[in-house]
N, C-alpha and C. Protein backbone atom coordinates (compact mmCIF):
# COMPACT_ATOMS: atom_id res chain seq x y z
N MET A 1 -15.45 46.45 -34.14
CA MET A 1 -15.59 47.85 -34.52
C MET A 1 -16.75 48.02 -35.50
N ALA A 2 -17.64 48.96 -35.22
CA ALA A 2 -18.75 49.24 -36.14
C ALA A 2 -18.22 50.12 -37.27
N LEU A 3 -18.69 49.85 -38.48
CA LEU A 3 -18.26 50.63 -39.64
C LEU A 3 -18.94 52.00 -39.65
N THR A 4 -18.20 53.02 -40.07
CA THR A 4 -18.81 54.33 -40.31
C THR A 4 -19.53 54.28 -41.64
N ASP A 5 -20.36 55.28 -41.92
CA ASP A 5 -21.05 55.35 -43.22
C ASP A 5 -20.06 55.35 -44.37
N ARG A 6 -18.98 56.13 -44.23
CA ARG A 6 -17.96 56.21 -45.29
C ARG A 6 -17.30 54.85 -45.51
N GLN A 7 -17.01 54.13 -44.43
CA GLN A 7 -16.38 52.81 -44.55
C GLN A 7 -17.33 51.81 -45.20
N ARG A 8 -18.62 51.93 -44.88
CA ARG A 8 -19.61 51.06 -45.52
C ARG A 8 -19.67 51.35 -47.03
N GLN A 9 -19.59 52.63 -47.40
CA GLN A 9 -19.57 53.01 -48.82
C GLN A 9 -18.35 52.41 -49.52
N ILE A 10 -17.21 52.46 -48.85
CA ILE A 10 -15.98 51.92 -49.44
C ILE A 10 -16.12 50.40 -49.62
N LEU A 11 -16.61 49.70 -48.60
CA LEU A 11 -16.78 48.25 -48.71
C LEU A 11 -17.75 47.89 -49.83
N ASN A 12 -18.88 48.62 -49.91
CA ASN A 12 -19.86 48.36 -50.98
C ASN A 12 -19.24 48.58 -52.35
N PHE A 13 -18.48 49.67 -52.48
CA PHE A 13 -17.85 49.95 -53.78
C PHE A 13 -16.85 48.86 -54.15
N ILE A 14 -16.04 48.41 -53.19
CA ILE A 14 -15.07 47.35 -53.47
C ILE A 14 -15.79 46.07 -53.90
N ALA A 15 -16.85 45.69 -53.17
CA ALA A 15 -17.59 44.46 -53.50
C ALA A 15 -18.24 44.57 -54.87
N ASN A 16 -18.87 45.70 -55.17
CA ASN A 16 -19.53 45.88 -56.48
C ASN A 16 -18.51 45.89 -57.61
N TYR A 17 -17.39 46.60 -57.39
CA TYR A 17 -16.35 46.70 -58.41
C TYR A 17 -15.78 45.31 -58.70
N LYS A 18 -15.53 44.56 -57.63
CA LYS A 18 -14.95 43.22 -57.79
C LYS A 18 -15.92 42.28 -58.51
N ALA A 19 -17.22 42.42 -58.20
CA ALA A 19 -18.23 41.58 -58.85
C ALA A 19 -18.32 41.89 -60.34
N ARG A 20 -18.15 43.16 -60.69
CA ARG A 20 -18.27 43.56 -62.10
C ARG A 20 -17.01 43.33 -62.91
N HIS A 21 -15.84 43.58 -62.28
CA HIS A 21 -14.57 43.56 -63.03
C HIS A 21 -13.69 42.36 -62.72
N GLY A 22 -14.02 41.58 -61.71
CA GLY A 22 -13.22 40.41 -61.38
C GLY A 22 -11.97 40.71 -60.58
N ALA A 23 -11.73 41.97 -60.25
CA ALA A 23 -10.58 42.39 -59.46
C ALA A 23 -10.99 43.59 -58.62
N PRO A 24 -10.33 43.81 -57.49
CA PRO A 24 -10.70 44.97 -56.65
C PRO A 24 -10.22 46.27 -57.28
N PRO A 25 -10.81 47.39 -56.87
CA PRO A 25 -10.37 48.69 -57.39
C PRO A 25 -9.05 49.12 -56.75
N THR A 26 -8.38 50.09 -57.37
CA THR A 26 -7.21 50.70 -56.76
C THR A 26 -7.69 51.75 -55.76
N GLN A 27 -6.80 52.21 -54.90
CA GLN A 27 -7.15 53.26 -53.95
C GLN A 27 -7.56 54.53 -54.68
N ARG A 28 -6.88 54.81 -55.79
CA ARG A 28 -7.21 56.00 -56.58
C ARG A 28 -8.63 55.90 -57.16
N GLU A 29 -9.02 54.70 -57.61
CA GLU A 29 -10.38 54.51 -58.15
C GLU A 29 -11.43 54.68 -57.06
N ILE A 30 -11.13 54.19 -55.86
CA ILE A 30 -12.06 54.37 -54.73
C ILE A 30 -12.21 55.86 -54.42
N ALA A 31 -11.08 56.55 -54.37
CA ALA A 31 -11.09 58.00 -54.06
C ALA A 31 -11.89 58.77 -55.11
N ARG A 32 -11.69 58.43 -56.38
CA ARG A 32 -12.40 59.13 -57.46
C ARG A 32 -13.91 58.88 -57.35
N HIS A 33 -14.28 57.61 -57.09
CA HIS A 33 -15.71 57.27 -56.99
C HIS A 33 -16.39 57.99 -55.83
N LEU A 34 -15.71 58.06 -54.69
CA LEU A 34 -16.32 58.66 -53.49
C LEU A 34 -16.02 60.16 -53.35
N LYS A 35 -15.23 60.68 -54.32
CA LYS A 35 -14.89 62.11 -54.32
C LYS A 35 -14.19 62.53 -53.01
N ILE A 36 -13.21 61.71 -52.61
CA ILE A 36 -12.39 62.03 -51.44
C ILE A 36 -10.92 61.88 -51.83
N TYR A 37 -10.02 62.31 -50.96
CA TYR A 37 -8.59 62.21 -51.22
C TYR A 37 -8.11 60.76 -51.03
N VAL A 38 -7.06 60.40 -51.77
CA VAL A 38 -6.46 59.06 -51.62
C VAL A 38 -6.01 58.84 -50.18
N ARG A 39 -5.51 59.90 -49.53
CA ARG A 39 -5.10 59.80 -48.13
C ARG A 39 -6.26 59.38 -47.24
N GLY A 40 -7.45 59.89 -47.53
CA GLY A 40 -8.66 59.51 -46.78
C GLY A 40 -8.99 58.04 -46.99
N VAL A 41 -8.84 57.57 -48.23
CA VAL A 41 -9.08 56.15 -48.53
C VAL A 41 -8.10 55.29 -47.75
N GLN A 42 -6.81 55.68 -47.76
CA GLN A 42 -5.79 54.92 -47.02
C GLN A 42 -6.12 54.84 -45.53
N TYR A 43 -6.57 55.96 -44.97
CA TYR A 43 -6.94 55.99 -43.55
C TYR A 43 -8.05 54.97 -43.26
N HIS A 44 -9.11 55.01 -44.08
CA HIS A 44 -10.24 54.10 -43.84
C HIS A 44 -9.85 52.64 -44.08
N LEU A 45 -9.04 52.38 -45.11
CA LEU A 45 -8.60 51.00 -45.37
C LEU A 45 -7.75 50.47 -44.21
N ASP A 46 -6.90 51.32 -43.65
CA ASP A 46 -6.10 50.92 -42.49
C ASP A 46 -7.00 50.52 -41.32
N ARG A 47 -8.00 51.35 -41.05
CA ARG A 47 -8.93 51.06 -39.94
C ARG A 47 -9.71 49.76 -40.18
N MET A 48 -10.18 49.58 -41.42
CA MET A 48 -10.97 48.38 -41.73
C MET A 48 -10.10 47.13 -41.72
N GLU A 49 -8.84 47.27 -42.11
CA GLU A 49 -7.93 46.11 -42.07
C GLU A 49 -7.67 45.70 -40.62
N LYS A 50 -7.44 46.68 -39.74
CA LYS A 50 -7.22 46.38 -38.31
C LYS A 50 -8.45 45.72 -37.69
N ALA A 51 -9.65 46.11 -38.16
CA ALA A 51 -10.90 45.55 -37.62
C ALA A 51 -11.24 44.19 -38.25
N GLY A 52 -10.46 43.77 -39.26
CA GLY A 52 -10.68 42.45 -39.84
C GLY A 52 -11.67 42.39 -40.99
N TYR A 53 -12.04 43.54 -41.56
CA TYR A 53 -12.98 43.54 -42.67
C TYR A 53 -12.31 43.25 -44.00
N LEU A 54 -10.99 43.50 -44.09
CA LEU A 54 -10.29 43.26 -45.35
C LEU A 54 -8.82 43.00 -45.08
N THR A 55 -8.13 42.50 -46.10
CA THR A 55 -6.68 42.33 -46.06
C THR A 55 -6.09 43.01 -47.28
N ARG A 56 -4.82 43.44 -47.17
CA ARG A 56 -4.14 44.08 -48.31
C ARG A 56 -2.74 43.49 -48.45
N THR A 57 -2.28 43.43 -49.67
CA THR A 57 -0.92 43.00 -49.95
C THR A 57 -0.10 44.25 -50.24
N PRO A 58 0.97 44.50 -49.48
CA PRO A 58 1.76 45.72 -49.70
C PRO A 58 2.38 45.78 -51.09
N LYS A 59 2.51 47.00 -51.61
CA LYS A 59 3.17 47.30 -52.88
C LYS A 59 2.49 46.67 -54.09
N ARG A 60 1.19 46.42 -53.98
CA ARG A 60 0.41 45.96 -55.15
C ARG A 60 -0.80 46.86 -55.28
N ALA A 61 -1.12 47.26 -56.53
CA ALA A 61 -2.19 48.24 -56.77
C ALA A 61 -3.57 47.65 -56.46
N ARG A 62 -3.85 46.46 -56.93
CA ARG A 62 -5.18 45.87 -56.74
C ARG A 62 -5.07 44.72 -55.75
N ALA A 63 -4.80 45.06 -54.53
CA ALA A 63 -4.47 44.04 -53.53
C ALA A 63 -5.39 44.08 -52.32
N ILE A 64 -6.64 44.42 -52.53
CA ILE A 64 -7.61 44.47 -51.42
C ILE A 64 -8.48 43.23 -51.50
N ASP A 65 -8.53 42.47 -50.42
CA ASP A 65 -9.41 41.30 -50.35
C ASP A 65 -10.38 41.49 -49.20
N LEU A 66 -11.66 41.31 -49.49
CA LEU A 66 -12.67 41.43 -48.44
C LEU A 66 -12.71 40.12 -47.66
N ARG A 67 -12.55 40.22 -46.35
CA ARG A 67 -12.52 39.04 -45.50
C ARG A 67 -13.85 38.31 -45.47
N ARG A 68 -14.94 39.06 -45.52
CA ARG A 68 -16.26 38.45 -45.30
C ARG A 68 -17.05 38.29 -46.59
N GLU A 69 -16.38 38.49 -47.74
CA GLU A 69 -17.15 38.48 -48.98
C GLU A 69 -17.65 37.10 -49.36
N GLN A 70 -16.99 36.02 -48.90
CA GLN A 70 -17.45 34.70 -49.27
C GLN A 70 -18.84 34.40 -48.72
N ARG A 71 -19.25 35.16 -47.71
CA ARG A 71 -20.58 34.95 -47.14
C ARG A 71 -21.57 36.01 -47.64
N ALA A 72 -21.15 36.83 -48.62
CA ALA A 72 -22.01 37.89 -49.12
C ALA A 72 -22.35 37.66 -50.59
N THR A 73 -23.53 38.12 -50.96
CA THR A 73 -23.98 38.08 -52.34
C THR A 73 -24.23 39.51 -52.78
N VAL A 74 -23.67 39.90 -53.92
CA VAL A 74 -23.92 41.25 -54.43
C VAL A 74 -25.31 41.26 -55.05
N THR A 75 -26.21 42.05 -54.45
CA THR A 75 -27.62 42.06 -54.84
C THR A 75 -27.96 43.39 -55.49
N PRO A 76 -28.46 43.36 -56.74
CA PRO A 76 -28.78 44.62 -57.43
C PRO A 76 -30.08 45.24 -56.95
N LEU A 77 -30.09 46.58 -56.87
CA LEU A 77 -31.32 47.33 -56.63
C LEU A 77 -31.82 47.78 -57.99
N LEU A 78 -33.01 47.32 -58.36
CA LEU A 78 -33.55 47.64 -59.67
C LEU A 78 -34.34 48.94 -59.63
N GLY A 79 -34.19 49.73 -60.66
CA GLY A 79 -35.02 50.91 -60.84
C GLY A 79 -36.26 50.50 -61.60
N ARG A 80 -36.67 51.30 -62.54
CA ARG A 80 -37.84 50.97 -63.35
C ARG A 80 -37.55 49.76 -64.23
N VAL A 81 -38.40 48.75 -64.16
CA VAL A 81 -38.24 47.54 -64.96
C VAL A 81 -39.13 47.66 -66.19
N ALA A 82 -38.57 47.44 -67.36
CA ALA A 82 -39.34 47.57 -68.60
C ALA A 82 -39.75 46.19 -69.11
N ALA A 83 -40.96 46.09 -69.63
CA ALA A 83 -41.45 44.84 -70.20
C ALA A 83 -40.59 44.49 -71.41
N GLY A 84 -40.35 43.20 -71.58
CA GLY A 84 -39.61 42.75 -72.75
C GLY A 84 -38.10 42.85 -72.62
N ARG A 85 -37.60 43.43 -71.53
CA ARG A 85 -36.15 43.55 -71.32
C ARG A 85 -35.74 42.52 -70.27
N PRO A 86 -34.50 42.02 -70.35
CA PRO A 86 -34.05 41.10 -69.29
C PRO A 86 -34.12 41.80 -67.93
N LEU A 87 -34.55 41.08 -66.93
CA LEU A 87 -34.81 41.67 -65.61
C LEU A 87 -33.56 42.33 -65.03
N LEU A 88 -32.41 41.66 -65.13
CA LEU A 88 -31.20 42.20 -64.54
C LEU A 88 -30.33 42.92 -65.57
N ALA A 89 -30.96 43.49 -66.60
CA ALA A 89 -30.23 44.26 -67.60
C ALA A 89 -29.58 45.46 -66.92
N GLU A 90 -28.39 45.83 -67.42
CA GLU A 90 -27.58 46.90 -66.81
C GLU A 90 -28.37 48.19 -66.61
N GLU A 91 -29.25 48.53 -67.58
CA GLU A 91 -29.96 49.81 -67.49
C GLU A 91 -31.01 49.83 -66.38
N HIS A 92 -31.38 48.66 -65.85
CA HIS A 92 -32.34 48.62 -64.74
C HIS A 92 -31.68 48.80 -63.39
N ILE A 93 -30.38 48.53 -63.29
CA ILE A 93 -29.70 48.46 -62.00
C ILE A 93 -29.26 49.85 -61.54
N GLU A 94 -29.81 50.30 -60.40
CA GLU A 94 -29.47 51.61 -59.83
C GLU A 94 -28.25 51.52 -58.92
N ALA A 95 -28.12 50.42 -58.19
CA ALA A 95 -27.00 50.23 -57.25
C ALA A 95 -26.93 48.74 -56.95
N SER A 96 -25.88 48.33 -56.26
CA SER A 96 -25.74 46.94 -55.81
C SER A 96 -25.27 46.94 -54.38
N TYR A 97 -25.73 45.94 -53.61
CA TYR A 97 -25.37 45.87 -52.20
C TYR A 97 -24.93 44.45 -51.85
N PRO A 98 -23.82 44.31 -51.11
CA PRO A 98 -23.46 42.97 -50.63
C PRO A 98 -24.36 42.61 -49.45
N LEU A 99 -25.12 41.53 -49.59
CA LEU A 99 -26.00 41.08 -48.51
C LEU A 99 -25.56 39.69 -48.06
N PRO A 100 -25.72 39.38 -46.77
CA PRO A 100 -25.32 38.06 -46.28
C PRO A 100 -26.04 36.95 -47.02
N ARG A 101 -25.31 35.90 -47.33
CA ARG A 101 -25.90 34.76 -48.06
C ARG A 101 -27.03 34.11 -47.25
N GLU A 102 -26.97 34.25 -45.92
CA GLU A 102 -28.06 33.71 -45.09
C GLU A 102 -29.39 34.38 -45.43
N TRP A 103 -29.34 35.63 -45.90
CA TRP A 103 -30.56 36.35 -46.26
C TRP A 103 -31.00 36.04 -47.68
N THR A 104 -30.05 35.88 -48.59
CA THR A 104 -30.40 35.78 -50.02
C THR A 104 -30.61 34.35 -50.48
N GLY A 105 -30.04 33.37 -49.76
CA GLY A 105 -30.13 31.99 -50.22
C GLY A 105 -29.19 31.77 -51.40
N SER A 106 -29.43 30.69 -52.14
CA SER A 106 -28.50 30.35 -53.22
C SER A 106 -29.00 30.78 -54.60
N GLY A 107 -30.26 31.21 -54.72
CA GLY A 107 -30.79 31.62 -56.02
C GLY A 107 -30.45 33.07 -56.35
N LYS A 108 -30.91 33.52 -57.52
CA LYS A 108 -30.69 34.92 -57.91
C LYS A 108 -31.70 35.79 -57.17
N THR A 109 -31.20 36.92 -56.67
CA THR A 109 -32.07 37.84 -55.93
C THR A 109 -31.88 39.27 -56.44
N PHE A 110 -32.86 40.10 -56.14
CA PHE A 110 -32.74 41.53 -56.42
C PHE A 110 -33.53 42.31 -55.38
N LEU A 111 -33.23 43.60 -55.28
CA LEU A 111 -33.96 44.50 -54.40
C LEU A 111 -34.82 45.41 -55.26
N LEU A 112 -35.99 45.78 -54.75
CA LEU A 112 -36.89 46.67 -55.48
C LEU A 112 -37.49 47.65 -54.48
N LYS A 113 -37.53 48.93 -54.84
CA LYS A 113 -38.09 49.96 -53.96
C LYS A 113 -39.61 49.97 -54.12
N VAL A 114 -40.31 49.90 -52.99
CA VAL A 114 -41.77 49.87 -53.00
C VAL A 114 -42.31 51.29 -53.17
N GLN A 115 -43.33 51.41 -54.02
CA GLN A 115 -44.01 52.70 -54.20
C GLN A 115 -45.47 52.51 -53.83
N GLY A 116 -45.96 53.33 -52.93
CA GLY A 116 -47.37 53.27 -52.55
C GLY A 116 -47.60 52.47 -51.28
N ASP A 117 -48.85 52.48 -50.83
CA ASP A 117 -49.23 51.87 -49.55
C ASP A 117 -50.15 50.67 -49.69
N SER A 118 -50.19 50.05 -50.86
CA SER A 118 -51.15 48.96 -51.06
C SER A 118 -50.83 47.72 -50.21
N MET A 119 -49.58 47.61 -49.69
CA MET A 119 -49.22 46.44 -48.87
C MET A 119 -48.97 46.83 -47.41
N ARG A 120 -49.56 47.95 -47.00
CA ARG A 120 -49.35 48.50 -45.66
C ARG A 120 -49.64 47.49 -44.54
N ASP A 121 -50.73 46.74 -44.64
CA ASP A 121 -51.11 45.82 -43.57
C ASP A 121 -50.24 44.57 -43.51
N ALA A 122 -49.38 44.38 -44.52
CA ALA A 122 -48.38 43.31 -44.49
C ALA A 122 -47.05 43.88 -44.00
N ARG A 123 -47.08 45.12 -43.49
CA ARG A 123 -45.90 45.82 -42.98
C ARG A 123 -44.86 46.08 -44.07
N ILE A 124 -45.36 46.34 -45.29
CA ILE A 124 -44.51 46.77 -46.39
C ILE A 124 -44.98 48.17 -46.77
N PHE A 125 -44.11 49.16 -46.54
CA PHE A 125 -44.51 50.55 -46.68
C PHE A 125 -43.82 51.24 -47.86
N ASP A 126 -44.40 52.37 -48.25
CA ASP A 126 -43.83 53.19 -49.32
C ASP A 126 -42.37 53.53 -48.99
N GLY A 127 -41.46 53.27 -49.93
CA GLY A 127 -40.04 53.56 -49.72
C GLY A 127 -39.23 52.38 -49.21
N ASP A 128 -39.90 51.32 -48.73
CA ASP A 128 -39.17 50.12 -48.29
C ASP A 128 -38.48 49.46 -49.47
N LEU A 129 -37.43 48.71 -49.18
CA LEU A 129 -36.80 47.86 -50.19
C LEU A 129 -37.23 46.43 -49.91
N VAL A 130 -37.78 45.75 -50.92
CA VAL A 130 -38.12 44.33 -50.75
C VAL A 130 -37.02 43.50 -51.39
N LEU A 131 -36.62 42.43 -50.71
CA LEU A 131 -35.66 41.47 -51.24
C LEU A 131 -36.46 40.37 -51.92
N VAL A 132 -36.14 40.13 -53.19
CA VAL A 132 -36.96 39.23 -54.01
C VAL A 132 -36.07 38.12 -54.57
N THR A 133 -36.53 36.88 -54.44
CA THR A 133 -35.84 35.78 -55.10
C THR A 133 -36.51 35.56 -56.45
N MET A 134 -35.72 35.50 -57.51
CA MET A 134 -36.28 35.39 -58.86
C MET A 134 -36.87 33.99 -59.07
N GLN A 135 -38.14 33.97 -59.48
CA GLN A 135 -38.80 32.71 -59.84
C GLN A 135 -40.04 33.05 -60.66
N PRO A 136 -40.37 32.21 -61.64
CA PRO A 136 -41.46 32.54 -62.56
C PRO A 136 -42.84 32.13 -62.08
N GLU A 137 -42.94 31.46 -60.94
CA GLU A 137 -44.25 31.05 -60.43
C GLU A 137 -44.31 31.21 -58.92
N ALA A 138 -45.51 31.08 -58.38
CA ALA A 138 -45.69 31.27 -56.94
C ALA A 138 -46.83 30.40 -56.45
N HIS A 139 -46.87 30.18 -55.15
CA HIS A 139 -47.96 29.46 -54.50
C HIS A 139 -48.95 30.48 -53.94
N PRO A 140 -50.23 30.10 -53.83
CA PRO A 140 -51.20 31.02 -53.23
C PRO A 140 -50.75 31.51 -51.85
N ASP A 141 -51.03 32.78 -51.59
CA ASP A 141 -50.71 33.49 -50.35
C ASP A 141 -49.28 34.02 -50.27
N GLU A 142 -48.43 33.69 -51.23
CA GLU A 142 -47.09 34.27 -51.22
C GLU A 142 -47.16 35.71 -51.74
N ILE A 143 -46.28 36.56 -51.21
CA ILE A 143 -46.18 37.94 -51.70
C ILE A 143 -45.19 37.94 -52.86
N VAL A 144 -45.65 38.46 -53.99
CA VAL A 144 -44.85 38.38 -55.21
C VAL A 144 -44.60 39.77 -55.81
N VAL A 145 -43.60 39.83 -56.67
CA VAL A 145 -43.41 40.98 -57.55
C VAL A 145 -43.85 40.49 -58.92
N ALA A 146 -44.86 41.17 -59.49
CA ALA A 146 -45.42 40.73 -60.77
C ALA A 146 -45.41 41.90 -61.75
N MET A 147 -45.35 41.54 -63.03
CA MET A 147 -45.41 42.54 -64.09
C MET A 147 -46.73 42.35 -64.83
N ILE A 148 -47.54 43.41 -64.86
CA ILE A 148 -48.79 43.42 -65.60
C ILE A 148 -48.62 44.46 -66.70
N GLU A 149 -48.60 43.99 -67.94
CA GLU A 149 -48.28 44.86 -69.08
C GLU A 149 -46.94 45.54 -68.79
N ASP A 150 -46.89 46.86 -68.62
CA ASP A 150 -45.61 47.54 -68.37
C ASP A 150 -45.41 47.93 -66.91
N GLU A 151 -46.34 47.55 -66.04
CA GLU A 151 -46.27 47.98 -64.64
C GLU A 151 -45.81 46.83 -63.74
N VAL A 152 -44.94 47.17 -62.78
CA VAL A 152 -44.48 46.20 -61.79
C VAL A 152 -45.20 46.49 -60.48
N THR A 153 -45.68 45.44 -59.82
CA THR A 153 -46.43 45.62 -58.58
C THR A 153 -46.03 44.56 -57.56
N VAL A 154 -46.19 44.90 -56.28
CA VAL A 154 -45.97 43.96 -55.17
C VAL A 154 -47.34 43.65 -54.57
N LYS A 155 -47.75 42.39 -54.62
CA LYS A 155 -49.07 42.00 -54.11
C LYS A 155 -49.03 40.56 -53.61
N ARG A 156 -50.12 40.16 -52.92
CA ARG A 156 -50.25 38.77 -52.48
C ARG A 156 -50.90 37.97 -53.61
N PHE A 157 -50.29 36.86 -53.97
CA PHE A 157 -50.74 36.03 -55.09
C PHE A 157 -51.88 35.10 -54.64
N GLN A 158 -52.97 35.11 -55.40
CA GLN A 158 -54.12 34.24 -55.13
C GLN A 158 -54.63 33.65 -56.44
N ILE A 159 -55.33 32.54 -56.33
CA ILE A 159 -55.99 31.96 -57.51
C ILE A 159 -57.45 31.74 -57.16
N ASP A 160 -58.34 32.26 -58.02
CA ASP A 160 -59.79 32.12 -57.84
C ASP A 160 -60.31 31.33 -59.04
N GLY A 161 -60.47 30.02 -58.85
CA GLY A 161 -60.84 29.17 -59.98
C GLY A 161 -59.67 29.12 -60.95
N LYS A 162 -59.88 29.71 -62.15
CA LYS A 162 -58.79 29.76 -63.14
C LYS A 162 -58.23 31.17 -63.28
N THR A 163 -58.70 32.08 -62.43
CA THR A 163 -58.28 33.48 -62.51
C THR A 163 -57.20 33.79 -61.47
N ILE A 164 -56.15 34.46 -61.91
CA ILE A 164 -55.13 34.94 -60.99
C ILE A 164 -55.61 36.26 -60.39
N VAL A 165 -55.50 36.37 -59.07
CA VAL A 165 -55.89 37.60 -58.37
C VAL A 165 -54.69 38.08 -57.56
N LEU A 166 -54.35 39.35 -57.75
CA LEU A 166 -53.28 39.97 -56.96
C LEU A 166 -53.94 40.82 -55.89
N MET A 167 -53.77 40.39 -54.63
CA MET A 167 -54.48 41.01 -53.52
C MET A 167 -53.61 42.05 -52.81
N PRO A 168 -54.14 43.27 -52.63
CA PRO A 168 -53.44 44.25 -51.81
C PRO A 168 -53.64 43.90 -50.34
N GLU A 169 -52.84 44.50 -49.49
CA GLU A 169 -52.99 44.34 -48.04
C GLU A 169 -53.35 45.70 -47.46
N ASN A 170 -54.38 46.31 -48.02
CA ASN A 170 -54.87 47.62 -47.59
C ASN A 170 -56.28 47.74 -48.16
N GLU A 171 -57.27 47.91 -47.29
CA GLU A 171 -58.67 47.91 -47.75
C GLU A 171 -59.01 49.07 -48.68
N ASP A 172 -58.15 50.08 -48.77
CA ASP A 172 -58.39 51.20 -49.69
C ASP A 172 -58.10 50.83 -51.14
N PHE A 173 -57.50 49.66 -51.37
CA PHE A 173 -57.14 49.25 -52.72
C PHE A 173 -57.94 48.02 -53.13
N ALA A 174 -58.30 47.96 -54.41
CA ALA A 174 -59.07 46.83 -54.93
C ALA A 174 -58.13 45.74 -55.44
N PRO A 175 -58.57 44.47 -55.35
CA PRO A 175 -57.77 43.38 -55.92
C PRO A 175 -57.61 43.57 -57.43
N ILE A 176 -56.54 43.04 -57.98
CA ILE A 176 -56.31 43.08 -59.43
C ILE A 176 -56.56 41.68 -59.98
N ARG A 177 -57.57 41.56 -60.84
CA ARG A 177 -57.88 40.27 -61.45
C ARG A 177 -57.23 40.25 -62.84
N ILE A 178 -56.45 39.21 -63.09
CA ILE A 178 -55.71 39.10 -64.34
C ILE A 178 -56.54 38.33 -65.36
N THR A 179 -56.86 38.98 -66.47
CA THR A 179 -57.61 38.30 -67.55
C THR A 179 -56.63 37.53 -68.42
N PRO A 180 -57.09 36.47 -69.08
CA PRO A 180 -56.18 35.64 -69.89
C PRO A 180 -55.45 36.42 -70.99
N GLU A 181 -56.07 37.49 -71.51
CA GLU A 181 -55.42 38.23 -72.61
C GLU A 181 -54.41 39.28 -72.11
N GLN A 182 -54.36 39.52 -70.80
CA GLN A 182 -53.43 40.50 -70.26
C GLN A 182 -52.01 39.96 -70.21
N PRO A 183 -51.02 40.74 -70.69
CA PRO A 183 -49.63 40.31 -70.52
C PRO A 183 -49.29 40.33 -69.02
N PHE A 184 -48.87 39.17 -68.51
CA PHE A 184 -48.63 39.04 -67.07
C PHE A 184 -47.52 38.03 -66.84
N ARG A 185 -46.64 38.34 -65.89
CA ARG A 185 -45.66 37.34 -65.45
C ARG A 185 -45.20 37.65 -64.03
N ILE A 186 -44.84 36.60 -63.33
CA ILE A 186 -44.30 36.73 -61.97
C ILE A 186 -42.78 36.87 -62.11
N LEU A 187 -42.24 37.91 -61.48
CA LEU A 187 -40.79 38.13 -61.51
C LEU A 187 -40.09 37.44 -60.34
N GLY A 188 -40.80 37.31 -59.22
CA GLY A 188 -40.19 36.64 -58.07
C GLY A 188 -41.04 36.75 -56.83
N LYS A 189 -40.54 36.12 -55.77
CA LYS A 189 -41.24 36.07 -54.48
C LYS A 189 -40.50 36.94 -53.48
N VAL A 190 -41.24 37.73 -52.70
CA VAL A 190 -40.65 38.59 -51.67
C VAL A 190 -40.20 37.72 -50.49
N ILE A 191 -38.91 37.86 -50.12
CA ILE A 191 -38.39 37.06 -49.00
C ILE A 191 -37.86 37.93 -47.86
N GLY A 192 -37.88 39.26 -48.05
CA GLY A 192 -37.41 40.14 -46.99
C GLY A 192 -37.77 41.59 -47.26
N VAL A 193 -37.75 42.40 -46.21
CA VAL A 193 -38.07 43.83 -46.32
C VAL A 193 -37.02 44.62 -45.54
N PHE A 194 -36.53 45.72 -46.15
CA PHE A 194 -35.57 46.59 -45.49
C PHE A 194 -36.16 48.00 -45.43
N ARG A 195 -35.93 48.66 -44.29
CA ARG A 195 -36.51 49.99 -44.09
C ARG A 195 -35.49 50.88 -43.37
N LYS A 196 -35.38 52.11 -43.83
CA LYS A 196 -34.55 53.09 -43.11
C LYS A 196 -35.39 53.72 -42.02
N LEU A 197 -34.86 53.78 -40.82
CA LEU A 197 -35.60 54.40 -39.71
C LEU A 197 -35.14 55.82 -39.49
């Protein structure tokens, strides 16, 4: 059975709530979060249980177990990232999504919304979400998320002699050459792209 949008929202909320609080939400908490009736939550939970997405223990408030969660990693979607703040600080996180572990690997990952068309020729477009594995360094030709002073950018990492060059994938944009005195750090390497059609 394919999940409806509402059922996907419920599953995401359960996974995020469990990751944050160590226990699943109650039906009332799900209803309050999604602004629907508890009866509606019960209906969707019944359907998802029959389809094998979750199990429930009768007569217990926090008794929802996600069947497929052991293969999922809760991945945060970051909003604006500020220099000098921890990357996964609570104030940066706009939402979280359970993604298959086959996509995220075993390291820490995050999602970031792309702004602009500088990576168009690498098939990364404005509004796409890039999946990034956190790492402080990169090899030449890898696509990275880097912070230059207070700005976060997605570019192809290059080295020219001793100079770091961040290359766009669009001829309308100029390469960014990093001078030694510029505050600069690599936040991670892009390992996937998601797009709404």
